[in-house]
N, C-alpha and C. Protein backbone atom coordinates (compact mmCIF):
# COMPACT_ATOMS: atom_id res chain seq x y z
N MET A 1 144.06 76.22 77.18
CA MET A 1 142.82 76.77 77.72
C MET A 1 143.09 77.64 78.95
N GLU A 2 143.90 77.12 79.88
CA GLU A 2 144.21 77.88 81.10
C GLU A 2 144.96 79.16 80.78
N GLN A 3 145.89 79.06 79.82
CA GLN A 3 146.65 80.26 79.45
C GLN A 3 145.73 81.31 78.82
N GLY A 4 144.79 80.85 78.00
CA GLY A 4 143.85 81.78 77.39
C GLY A 4 142.97 82.46 78.43
N GLU A 5 142.52 81.72 79.42
CA GLU A 5 141.70 82.30 80.49
C GLU A 5 142.52 83.29 81.31
N ALA A 6 143.79 82.96 81.54
CA ALA A 6 144.66 83.86 82.30
C ALA A 6 144.89 85.16 81.54
N THR A 7 145.06 85.06 80.22
CA THR A 7 145.26 86.26 79.39
C THR A 7 144.01 87.13 79.41
N ARG A 8 142.86 86.50 79.28
CA ARG A 8 141.61 87.25 79.31
C ARG A 8 141.42 87.95 80.66
N ALA A 9 141.70 87.23 81.73
CA ALA A 9 141.56 87.81 83.07
C ALA A 9 142.52 88.98 83.26
N ALA A 10 143.74 88.85 82.73
CA ALA A 10 144.72 89.93 82.84
C ALA A 10 144.25 91.17 82.10
N LEU A 11 143.65 90.99 80.94
CA LEU A 11 143.12 92.12 80.17
C LEU A 11 141.98 92.80 80.92
N VAL A 12 141.10 92.01 81.51
CA VAL A 12 139.96 92.58 82.24
C VAL A 12 140.45 93.35 83.46
N ARG A 13 141.41 92.78 84.20
CA ARG A 13 141.94 93.47 85.39
C ARG A 13 142.62 94.78 85.01
N ALA A 14 143.44 94.74 83.97
CA ALA A 14 144.16 95.95 83.54
C ALA A 14 143.18 97.01 83.06
N ALA A 15 142.19 96.59 82.28
CA ALA A 15 141.21 97.54 81.77
C ALA A 15 140.38 98.13 82.91
N GLN A 16 140.05 97.32 83.89
CA GLN A 16 139.28 97.83 85.04
C GLN A 16 140.05 98.93 85.76
N ARG A 17 141.34 98.70 85.98
CA ARG A 17 142.16 99.73 86.66
C ARG A 17 142.21 101.01 85.84
N LEU A 18 142.43 100.88 84.55
CA LEU A 18 142.58 102.06 83.70
C LEU A 18 141.25 102.79 83.51
N PHE A 19 140.17 102.04 83.31
CA PHE A 19 138.86 102.68 83.17
C PHE A 19 138.47 103.41 84.45
N THR A 20 138.86 102.85 85.59
CA THR A 20 138.55 103.50 86.87
C THR A 20 139.33 104.80 87.00
N ARG A 21 140.59 104.77 86.65
CA ARG A 21 141.46 105.94 86.84
C ARG A 21 141.24 107.01 85.77
N LYS A 22 141.10 106.59 84.51
CA LYS A 22 141.08 107.55 83.42
C LYS A 22 139.72 107.68 82.73
N GLY A 23 138.87 106.69 82.88
CA GLY A 23 137.61 106.66 82.16
C GLY A 23 137.75 105.90 80.86
N TYR A 24 136.62 105.45 80.34
CA TYR A 24 136.63 104.64 79.12
C TYR A 24 137.18 105.42 77.92
N GLY A 25 136.67 106.63 77.72
CA GLY A 25 137.04 107.39 76.53
C GLY A 25 138.51 107.76 76.48
N ALA A 26 139.11 107.99 77.63
CA ALA A 26 140.50 108.44 77.67
C ALA A 26 141.51 107.29 77.73
N THR A 27 141.02 106.06 77.73
CA THR A 27 141.90 104.90 77.82
C THR A 27 142.08 104.28 76.44
N ALA A 28 143.31 104.22 75.97
CA ALA A 28 143.60 103.62 74.68
C ALA A 28 143.85 102.12 74.84
N THR A 29 143.54 101.35 73.81
CA THR A 29 143.77 99.90 73.88
C THR A 29 145.25 99.59 74.05
N GLU A 30 146.10 100.46 73.50
CA GLU A 30 147.54 100.24 73.65
C GLU A 30 147.94 100.25 75.13
N GLU A 31 147.32 101.14 75.91
CA GLU A 31 147.61 101.20 77.35
C GLU A 31 147.16 99.92 78.05
N ILE A 32 146.01 99.41 77.66
CA ILE A 32 145.48 98.20 78.28
C ILE A 32 146.39 97.02 77.99
N VAL A 33 146.80 96.89 76.73
CA VAL A 33 147.70 95.79 76.35
C VAL A 33 149.00 95.87 77.12
N ARG A 34 149.55 97.07 77.22
CA ARG A 34 150.82 97.26 77.94
C ARG A 34 150.66 96.93 79.42
N ALA A 35 149.57 97.38 80.02
CA ALA A 35 149.35 97.13 81.45
C ALA A 35 149.11 95.65 81.73
N ALA A 36 148.46 94.97 80.79
CA ALA A 36 148.18 93.54 80.97
C ALA A 36 149.37 92.67 80.60
N LYS A 37 150.39 93.28 79.96
CA LYS A 37 151.60 92.56 79.53
C LYS A 37 151.26 91.42 78.55
N VAL A 38 150.40 91.76 77.58
CA VAL A 38 150.05 90.81 76.52
C VAL A 38 150.19 91.53 75.18
N THR A 39 150.03 90.79 74.10
CA THR A 39 150.14 91.38 72.77
C THR A 39 148.80 91.98 72.34
N ARG A 40 148.87 92.86 71.38
CA ARG A 40 147.65 93.44 70.81
C ARG A 40 146.79 92.35 70.17
N GLY A 41 147.45 91.37 69.58
CA GLY A 41 146.73 90.25 68.99
C GLY A 41 145.94 89.47 70.02
N ALA A 42 146.50 89.36 71.22
CA ALA A 42 145.80 88.66 72.29
C ALA A 42 144.53 89.39 72.69
N LEU A 43 144.61 90.72 72.69
CA LEU A 43 143.42 91.51 73.02
C LEU A 43 142.30 91.21 72.03
N TYR A 44 142.62 91.25 70.74
CA TYR A 44 141.57 91.07 69.73
C TYR A 44 141.22 89.60 69.51
N HIS A 45 141.99 88.71 70.08
CA HIS A 45 141.60 87.29 70.09
C HIS A 45 140.44 87.08 71.05
N HIS A 46 140.46 87.81 72.16
CA HIS A 46 139.43 87.63 73.20
C HIS A 46 138.27 88.61 73.07
N PHE A 47 138.54 89.79 72.50
CA PHE A 47 137.50 90.83 72.43
C PHE A 47 137.53 91.47 71.05
N SER A 48 136.34 91.67 70.49
CA SER A 48 136.29 92.23 69.13
C SER A 48 136.68 93.70 69.10
N ASP A 49 136.44 94.41 70.19
CA ASP A 49 136.78 95.83 70.26
C ASP A 49 136.81 96.27 71.72
N LYS A 50 137.10 97.54 71.93
CA LYS A 50 137.22 98.06 73.30
C LYS A 50 135.88 98.01 74.04
N GLU A 51 134.79 98.21 73.32
CA GLU A 51 133.48 98.18 73.98
C GLU A 51 133.15 96.78 74.51
N GLU A 52 133.50 95.76 73.75
CA GLU A 52 133.27 94.39 74.24
C GLU A 52 134.13 94.11 75.47
N LEU A 53 135.35 94.63 75.48
CA LEU A 53 136.20 94.50 76.67
C LEU A 53 135.57 95.23 77.84
N PHE A 54 135.02 96.42 77.60
CA PHE A 54 134.37 97.15 78.69
C PHE A 54 133.21 96.35 79.25
N ARG A 55 132.44 95.71 78.39
CA ARG A 55 131.30 94.92 78.88
C ARG A 55 131.79 93.81 79.81
N ALA A 56 132.92 93.17 79.45
CA ALA A 56 133.48 92.14 80.32
C ALA A 56 133.92 92.73 81.65
N VAL A 57 134.52 93.91 81.60
CA VAL A 57 134.92 94.61 82.83
C VAL A 57 133.68 94.95 83.66
N PHE A 58 132.65 95.44 83.00
CA PHE A 58 131.41 95.81 83.68
C PHE A 58 130.81 94.60 84.40
N GLU A 59 130.72 93.48 83.71
CA GLU A 59 130.12 92.29 84.32
C GLU A 59 130.99 91.77 85.46
N ALA A 60 132.30 91.83 85.31
CA ALA A 60 133.18 91.41 86.40
C ALA A 60 133.01 92.31 87.61
N THR A 61 132.84 93.60 87.37
CA THR A 61 132.65 94.55 88.46
C THR A 61 131.30 94.36 89.13
N GLU A 62 130.27 94.07 88.35
CA GLU A 62 128.95 93.75 88.91
C GLU A 62 129.06 92.53 89.83
N ALA A 63 129.79 91.52 89.38
CA ALA A 63 129.95 90.31 90.19
C ALA A 63 130.67 90.63 91.50
N GLN A 64 131.67 91.50 91.44
CA GLN A 64 132.38 91.90 92.66
C GLN A 64 131.45 92.62 93.62
N MET A 65 130.60 93.48 93.08
CA MET A 65 129.65 94.19 93.94
C MET A 65 128.69 93.21 94.61
N MET A 66 128.16 92.26 93.84
CA MET A 66 127.22 91.30 94.40
C MET A 66 127.89 90.44 95.47
N GLU A 67 129.14 90.08 95.27
CA GLU A 67 129.87 89.30 96.27
C GLU A 67 129.97 90.08 97.58
N ARG A 68 130.25 91.37 97.49
CA ARG A 68 130.35 92.20 98.69
C ARG A 68 129.02 92.29 99.41
N VAL A 69 127.97 92.49 98.66
CA VAL A 69 126.64 92.65 99.26
C VAL A 69 126.19 91.35 99.91
N LEU A 70 126.34 90.24 99.20
CA LEU A 70 125.91 88.94 99.73
C LEU A 70 126.75 88.53 100.93
N ALA A 71 128.03 88.83 100.90
CA ALA A 71 128.90 88.49 102.04
C ALA A 71 128.51 89.27 103.28
N ALA A 72 128.13 90.53 103.10
CA ALA A 72 127.74 91.36 104.24
C ALA A 72 126.48 90.83 104.91
N ALA A 73 125.57 90.27 104.11
CA ALA A 73 124.28 89.81 104.65
C ALA A 73 124.27 88.34 105.01
N ALA A 74 125.35 87.64 104.73
CA ALA A 74 125.33 86.17 104.85
C ALA A 74 125.04 85.67 106.25
N ASP A 75 125.59 86.28 107.27
CA ASP A 75 125.47 85.77 108.64
C ASP A 75 124.38 86.47 109.44
N VAL A 76 123.56 87.26 108.79
CA VAL A 76 122.47 87.96 109.48
C VAL A 76 121.31 86.97 109.66
N PRO A 77 120.81 86.78 110.89
CA PRO A 77 119.85 85.69 111.14
C PRO A 77 118.46 85.89 110.56
N SER A 78 117.97 87.12 110.49
CA SER A 78 116.60 87.38 110.05
C SER A 78 116.56 87.69 108.56
N PRO A 79 115.63 87.09 107.81
CA PRO A 79 115.53 87.39 106.38
C PRO A 79 115.33 88.87 106.07
N LEU A 80 114.48 89.53 106.84
CA LEU A 80 114.26 90.95 106.61
C LEU A 80 115.50 91.76 106.96
N ALA A 81 116.17 91.38 108.04
CA ALA A 81 117.41 92.06 108.40
C ALA A 81 118.48 91.85 107.33
N GLN A 82 118.48 90.69 106.68
CA GLN A 82 119.42 90.46 105.58
C GLN A 82 119.18 91.45 104.46
N LEU A 83 117.91 91.68 104.11
CA LEU A 83 117.59 92.66 103.07
C LEU A 83 118.05 94.05 103.48
N GLN A 84 117.84 94.38 104.75
CA GLN A 84 118.22 95.71 105.24
C GLN A 84 119.74 95.89 105.21
N VAL A 85 120.46 94.87 105.65
CA VAL A 85 121.92 94.93 105.63
C VAL A 85 122.42 94.97 104.18
N ALA A 86 121.77 94.23 103.30
CA ALA A 86 122.17 94.22 101.89
C ALA A 86 122.01 95.61 101.27
N ILE A 87 120.95 96.32 101.64
CA ILE A 87 120.76 97.69 101.15
C ILE A 87 121.93 98.57 101.58
N ASP A 88 122.29 98.48 102.86
CA ASP A 88 123.41 99.29 103.36
C ASP A 88 124.72 98.91 102.69
N ALA A 89 124.92 97.60 102.47
CA ALA A 89 126.16 97.13 101.83
C ALA A 89 126.23 97.62 100.38
N PHE A 90 125.09 97.62 99.70
CA PHE A 90 125.07 98.12 98.33
C PHE A 90 125.43 99.61 98.28
N LEU A 91 124.82 100.38 99.17
CA LEU A 91 125.10 101.82 99.19
C LEU A 91 126.55 102.10 99.58
N GLU A 92 127.09 101.29 100.48
CA GLU A 92 128.51 101.43 100.83
C GLU A 92 129.39 101.10 99.64
N ALA A 93 129.01 100.06 98.88
CA ALA A 93 129.78 99.69 97.70
C ALA A 93 129.77 100.80 96.66
N CYS A 94 128.68 101.57 96.60
CA CYS A 94 128.60 102.68 95.64
C CYS A 94 129.63 103.77 95.93
N LEU A 95 130.20 103.76 97.14
CA LEU A 95 131.24 104.73 97.50
C LEU A 95 132.62 104.28 97.05
N ASP A 96 132.75 103.00 96.67
CA ASP A 96 134.02 102.47 96.19
C ASP A 96 134.31 103.06 94.81
N ALA A 97 135.52 103.56 94.61
CA ALA A 97 135.85 104.27 93.37
C ALA A 97 135.66 103.41 92.13
N THR A 98 136.10 102.16 92.18
CA THR A 98 135.99 101.28 91.01
C THR A 98 134.55 100.94 90.71
N LEU A 99 133.81 100.50 91.73
CA LEU A 99 132.43 100.12 91.51
C LEU A 99 131.60 101.31 91.04
N ARG A 100 131.84 102.46 91.64
CA ARG A 100 131.08 103.65 91.26
C ARG A 100 131.39 104.07 89.83
N ARG A 101 132.66 104.11 89.48
CA ARG A 101 133.06 104.60 88.14
C ARG A 101 132.60 103.64 87.05
N ILE A 102 132.85 102.34 87.23
CA ILE A 102 132.54 101.37 86.18
C ILE A 102 131.04 101.15 86.05
N ILE A 103 130.35 100.90 87.17
CA ILE A 103 128.95 100.50 87.11
C ILE A 103 128.02 101.68 86.93
N LEU A 104 128.24 102.74 87.70
CA LEU A 104 127.26 103.82 87.75
C LEU A 104 127.57 105.00 86.84
N GLN A 105 128.84 105.23 86.53
CA GLN A 105 129.19 106.38 85.72
C GLN A 105 129.50 105.99 84.27
N GLU A 106 130.42 105.08 84.09
CA GLU A 106 130.81 104.69 82.73
C GLU A 106 129.81 103.73 82.09
N GLY A 107 129.23 102.84 82.89
CA GLY A 107 128.35 101.80 82.34
C GLY A 107 127.23 102.32 81.47
N PRO A 108 126.37 103.21 81.96
CA PRO A 108 125.26 103.70 81.13
C PRO A 108 125.74 104.43 79.87
N ALA A 109 126.84 105.17 80.00
CA ALA A 109 127.34 105.96 78.87
C ALA A 109 127.92 105.06 77.78
N VAL A 110 128.66 104.03 78.18
CA VAL A 110 129.34 103.17 77.19
C VAL A 110 128.38 102.14 76.60
N LEU A 111 127.60 101.49 77.44
CA LEU A 111 126.75 100.39 77.00
C LEU A 111 125.39 100.86 76.48
N GLY A 112 125.00 102.07 76.84
CA GLY A 112 123.63 102.50 76.56
C GLY A 112 122.73 102.09 77.71
N TRP A 113 121.71 102.90 77.96
CA TRP A 113 120.90 102.69 79.15
C TRP A 113 120.22 101.34 79.14
N THR A 114 119.70 100.89 77.98
CA THR A 114 118.95 99.63 77.93
C THR A 114 119.83 98.45 78.29
N THR A 115 121.01 98.36 77.67
CA THR A 115 121.92 97.24 77.96
C THR A 115 122.41 97.32 79.39
N TRP A 116 122.76 98.53 79.84
CA TRP A 116 123.21 98.70 81.23
C TRP A 116 122.14 98.21 82.20
N HIS A 117 120.90 98.60 81.97
CA HIS A 117 119.79 98.22 82.84
C HIS A 117 119.60 96.71 82.83
N GLU A 118 119.67 96.09 81.65
CA GLU A 118 119.46 94.64 81.55
C GLU A 118 120.53 93.87 82.33
N ILE A 119 121.79 94.27 82.18
CA ILE A 119 122.87 93.56 82.87
C ILE A 119 122.79 93.81 84.37
N ASP A 120 122.56 95.05 84.76
CA ASP A 120 122.49 95.38 86.18
C ASP A 120 121.35 94.63 86.86
N SER A 121 120.20 94.57 86.19
CA SER A 121 119.05 93.85 86.75
C SER A 121 119.33 92.36 86.83
N GLN A 122 120.03 91.83 85.85
CA GLN A 122 120.33 90.40 85.82
C GLN A 122 121.09 89.98 87.07
N TYR A 123 122.02 90.80 87.51
CA TYR A 123 122.81 90.45 88.69
C TYR A 123 122.01 90.63 89.98
N ALA A 124 121.16 91.63 90.03
CA ALA A 124 120.47 91.96 91.28
C ALA A 124 119.12 91.28 91.43
N PHE A 125 118.42 91.04 90.33
CA PHE A 125 117.03 90.63 90.42
C PHE A 125 116.85 89.29 91.14
N GLY A 126 117.68 88.32 90.82
CA GLY A 126 117.54 87.00 91.44
C GLY A 126 117.75 87.07 92.94
N ALA A 127 118.77 87.80 93.36
CA ALA A 127 119.08 87.89 94.79
C ALA A 127 117.97 88.63 95.54
N VAL A 128 117.46 89.71 94.96
CA VAL A 128 116.39 90.48 95.60
C VAL A 128 115.11 89.64 95.67
N SER A 129 114.78 88.94 94.59
CA SER A 129 113.58 88.10 94.57
C SER A 129 113.65 87.03 95.65
N ALA A 130 114.82 86.37 95.75
CA ALA A 130 114.98 85.32 96.75
C ALA A 130 114.86 85.90 98.16
N GLY A 131 115.45 87.05 98.39
CA GLY A 131 115.39 87.67 99.72
C GLY A 131 113.96 88.04 100.10
N LEU A 132 113.21 88.58 99.16
CA LEU A 132 111.82 88.94 99.44
C LEU A 132 110.98 87.69 99.71
N GLU A 133 111.19 86.66 98.93
CA GLU A 133 110.44 85.42 99.10
C GLU A 133 110.67 84.82 100.48
N VAL A 134 111.92 84.77 100.90
CA VAL A 134 112.24 84.19 102.21
C VAL A 134 111.65 85.04 103.33
N ALA A 135 111.72 86.36 103.19
CA ALA A 135 111.15 87.24 104.21
C ALA A 135 109.64 87.10 104.30
N MET A 136 108.99 86.89 103.17
CA MET A 136 107.55 86.66 103.19
C MET A 136 107.23 85.32 103.84
N ASP A 137 108.00 84.29 103.50
CA ASP A 137 107.78 82.97 104.10
C ASP A 137 107.94 83.01 105.61
N ALA A 138 108.84 83.88 106.08
CA ALA A 138 109.08 84.00 107.52
C ALA A 138 108.04 84.88 108.22
N GLY A 139 107.14 85.47 107.43
CA GLY A 139 106.12 86.33 108.01
C GLY A 139 106.61 87.73 108.34
N GLU A 140 107.81 88.08 107.88
CA GLU A 140 108.37 89.40 108.18
C GLU A 140 107.91 90.46 107.18
N LEU A 141 107.50 90.03 106.01
CA LEU A 141 106.92 90.92 105.01
C LEU A 141 105.54 90.39 104.64
N GLU A 142 104.66 91.31 104.33
CA GLU A 142 103.31 90.93 103.93
C GLU A 142 103.35 90.18 102.61
N ARG A 143 102.60 89.08 102.54
CA ARG A 143 102.60 88.26 101.32
C ARG A 143 101.99 89.04 100.15
N GLN A 144 102.70 89.04 99.03
CA GLN A 144 102.24 89.66 97.79
C GLN A 144 103.06 89.09 96.65
N PRO A 145 102.68 89.32 95.38
CA PRO A 145 103.48 88.80 94.27
C PRO A 145 104.92 89.31 94.34
N VAL A 146 105.86 88.39 94.25
CA VAL A 146 107.27 88.74 94.45
C VAL A 146 107.86 89.47 93.24
N GLU A 147 107.55 89.01 92.04
CA GLU A 147 108.23 89.54 90.85
C GLU A 147 108.05 91.04 90.67
N PRO A 148 106.82 91.57 90.68
CA PRO A 148 106.70 93.03 90.51
C PRO A 148 107.36 93.81 91.63
N LEU A 149 107.27 93.28 92.85
CA LEU A 149 107.92 93.97 93.97
C LEU A 149 109.44 93.97 93.81
N ALA A 150 109.99 92.85 93.36
CA ALA A 150 111.44 92.77 93.14
C ALA A 150 111.88 93.76 92.07
N HIS A 151 111.10 93.89 91.00
CA HIS A 151 111.44 94.87 89.95
C HIS A 151 111.47 96.29 90.53
N LEU A 152 110.49 96.60 91.37
CA LEU A 152 110.43 97.93 91.96
C LEU A 152 111.62 98.18 92.89
N LEU A 153 111.97 97.18 93.69
CA LEU A 153 113.08 97.36 94.63
C LEU A 153 114.41 97.46 93.89
N VAL A 154 114.61 96.63 92.87
CA VAL A 154 115.85 96.71 92.08
C VAL A 154 115.94 98.06 91.39
N GLY A 155 114.82 98.54 90.83
CA GLY A 155 114.82 99.86 90.21
C GLY A 155 115.16 100.96 91.20
N SER A 156 114.63 100.83 92.41
CA SER A 156 114.93 101.82 93.45
C SER A 156 116.41 101.80 93.80
N LEU A 157 116.99 100.61 93.89
CA LEU A 157 118.41 100.49 94.21
C LEU A 157 119.29 101.08 93.11
N MET A 158 118.91 100.82 91.85
CA MET A 158 119.66 101.39 90.73
C MET A 158 119.65 102.91 90.80
N GLN A 159 118.46 103.46 91.00
CA GLN A 159 118.35 104.92 91.08
C GLN A 159 119.11 105.46 92.28
N ALA A 160 119.04 104.74 93.39
CA ALA A 160 119.78 105.16 94.58
C ALA A 160 121.28 105.22 94.29
N GLY A 161 121.78 104.21 93.60
CA GLY A 161 123.20 104.20 93.26
C GLY A 161 123.57 105.37 92.37
N MET A 162 122.72 105.70 91.40
CA MET A 162 123.00 106.83 90.51
C MET A 162 123.01 108.15 91.29
N VAL A 163 122.08 108.29 92.23
CA VAL A 163 122.04 109.52 93.04
C VAL A 163 123.32 109.65 93.86
N VAL A 164 123.73 108.57 94.48
CA VAL A 164 124.96 108.59 95.29
C VAL A 164 126.17 108.92 94.42
N ALA A 165 126.26 108.29 93.26
CA ALA A 165 127.41 108.48 92.39
C ALA A 165 127.55 109.93 91.92
N ARG A 166 126.42 110.63 91.75
CA ARG A 166 126.46 111.99 91.21
C ARG A 166 126.43 113.07 92.28
N ALA A 167 126.28 112.67 93.54
CA ALA A 167 126.16 113.65 94.62
C ALA A 167 127.50 114.30 94.94
N GLU A 168 127.47 115.56 95.35
CA GLU A 168 128.70 116.22 95.80
C GLU A 168 129.19 115.61 97.10
N ASP A 169 128.28 115.38 98.03
CA ASP A 169 128.60 114.71 99.28
C ASP A 169 128.01 113.31 99.20
N GLN A 170 128.82 112.37 98.70
CA GLN A 170 128.31 111.03 98.43
C GLN A 170 127.94 110.27 99.70
N ARG A 171 128.70 110.45 100.76
CA ARG A 171 128.38 109.73 101.99
C ARG A 171 127.07 110.23 102.59
N ALA A 172 126.84 111.53 102.56
CA ALA A 172 125.58 112.07 103.06
C ALA A 172 124.41 111.60 102.20
N ALA A 173 124.61 111.57 100.89
CA ALA A 173 123.56 111.09 100.00
C ALA A 173 123.25 109.62 100.25
N SER A 174 124.31 108.83 100.49
CA SER A 174 124.13 107.41 100.79
C SER A 174 123.31 107.22 102.05
N ALA A 175 123.60 108.00 103.09
CA ALA A 175 122.86 107.89 104.35
C ALA A 175 121.40 108.27 104.16
N ALA A 176 121.14 109.35 103.43
CA ALA A 176 119.76 109.82 103.23
C ALA A 176 118.96 108.83 102.39
N ILE A 177 119.58 108.33 101.31
CA ILE A 177 118.90 107.36 100.45
C ILE A 177 118.66 106.06 101.22
N GLY A 178 119.64 105.65 102.00
CA GLY A 178 119.49 104.42 102.78
C GLY A 178 118.34 104.53 103.76
N HIS A 179 118.22 105.66 104.41
CA HIS A 179 117.13 105.89 105.35
C HIS A 179 115.78 105.75 104.64
N ALA A 180 115.66 106.34 103.47
CA ALA A 180 114.41 106.27 102.71
C ALA A 180 114.11 104.84 102.27
N LEU A 181 115.13 104.10 101.83
CA LEU A 181 114.92 102.72 101.40
C LEU A 181 114.49 101.83 102.57
N HIS A 182 115.08 102.07 103.73
CA HIS A 182 114.69 101.29 104.91
C HIS A 182 113.23 101.57 105.29
N ARG A 183 112.83 102.81 105.23
CA ARG A 183 111.44 103.15 105.54
C ARG A 183 110.49 102.50 104.54
N MET A 184 110.89 102.49 103.27
CA MET A 184 110.06 101.87 102.24
C MET A 184 109.91 100.37 102.51
N LEU A 185 111.02 99.71 102.82
CA LEU A 185 110.97 98.27 103.11
C LEU A 185 110.18 98.00 104.38
N ASP A 186 110.33 98.87 105.36
CA ASP A 186 109.60 98.71 106.62
C ASP A 186 108.09 98.79 106.39
N GLY A 187 107.68 99.57 105.40
CA GLY A 187 106.26 99.70 105.09
C GLY A 187 105.66 98.45 104.49
N LEU A 188 106.50 97.48 104.12
CA LEU A 188 106.01 96.23 103.54
C LEU A 188 105.78 95.15 104.60
N ARG A 189 106.07 95.48 105.87
CA ARG A 189 105.80 94.52 106.94
C ARG A 189 104.29 94.30 107.08
N PRO A 190 103.89 93.18 107.66
CA PRO A 190 102.49 93.04 108.06
C PRO A 190 102.12 94.19 108.98
N ALA A 191 100.90 94.66 108.89
CA ALA A 191 100.50 95.89 109.60
C ALA A 191 100.83 95.84 111.08
N ALA A 192 100.66 94.68 111.73
CA ALA A 192 100.88 94.59 113.18
C ALA A 192 102.36 94.68 113.54
N GLY A 193 103.24 94.43 112.58
CA GLY A 193 104.66 94.36 112.92
C GLY A 193 105.49 95.52 112.41
N ARG A 194 104.86 96.55 111.87
CA ARG A 194 105.62 97.67 111.32
C ARG A 194 106.31 98.46 112.43
N THR A 195 107.48 98.95 112.11
CA THR A 195 108.28 99.68 113.09
C THR A 195 109.00 100.81 112.40
N ARG A 196 109.38 101.79 113.17
CA ARG A 196 110.14 102.93 112.64
C ARG A 196 111.60 102.86 113.05
N ALA A 197 112.08 101.68 113.42
CA ALA A 197 113.45 101.56 113.95
C ALA A 197 114.48 101.51 112.85
N VAL A 198 114.41 102.45 111.92
CA VAL A 198 115.36 102.48 110.80
C VAL A 198 116.76 102.78 111.29
N GLY A 199 116.90 103.75 112.20
CA GLY A 199 118.22 104.15 112.66
C GLY A 199 118.96 103.01 113.33
N SER A 200 118.26 102.23 114.15
CA SER A 200 118.94 101.13 114.84
C SER A 200 119.39 100.07 113.86
N ARG A 201 118.62 99.85 112.80
CA ARG A 201 119.03 98.84 111.80
C ARG A 201 120.30 99.28 111.11
N ARG A 202 120.42 100.55 110.78
CA ARG A 202 121.62 101.01 110.10
C ARG A 202 122.83 100.91 111.00
N ARG A 203 122.65 101.10 112.32
CA ARG A 203 123.78 100.96 113.23
C ARG A 203 124.23 99.51 113.31
N VAL A 204 123.28 98.59 113.32
CA VAL A 204 123.62 97.17 113.41
C VAL A 204 124.36 96.72 112.18
N SER A 205 123.99 97.27 111.01
CA SER A 205 124.55 96.78 109.75
C SER A 205 125.98 97.21 109.53
N ARG A 206 126.50 98.14 110.29
CA ARG A 206 127.86 98.64 110.04
C ARG A 206 128.90 97.76 110.73
């Protein structure tokens, strides 16, 4: 069992490196097998085809992104500030070559938009819903139904990532999109507590 898990992990790691460097279409299964130092039979024991292997790579990469985002926000004391820092961490992660190539560029093309959207939402929706709920409980956001708001915020983050990934100046796009997302989140505060201190929040989050 352990050897099988190690073989599968080696295939996913090797495929992730190759898909990042060359892209899905230009990467042959023979290259993946050679890079993982396993047999071709081992590849097809764990994955029915290259697309199924890509899905495993995609999900592993999504998990890595979520770990980065959650780690960045973990020690932030305020629930709303955690959401703000998480937005910045997500946009920063979109600048990472592996995360950008696998999740935002190759993912929709290989998996199809519907499957890509379902998997991407699966990883983000729970965390965003929990963050919004806690911020509402703390009185930092105006109370409203969490689920529709979480869907809107996750959709905004997905679109933000796509904009950053396709921009010529990705860092400038990340900063501009981040500013807009912070203003949008700030607008959800109770009326008496709304603020325009978006710039200071972005400085704190770095």
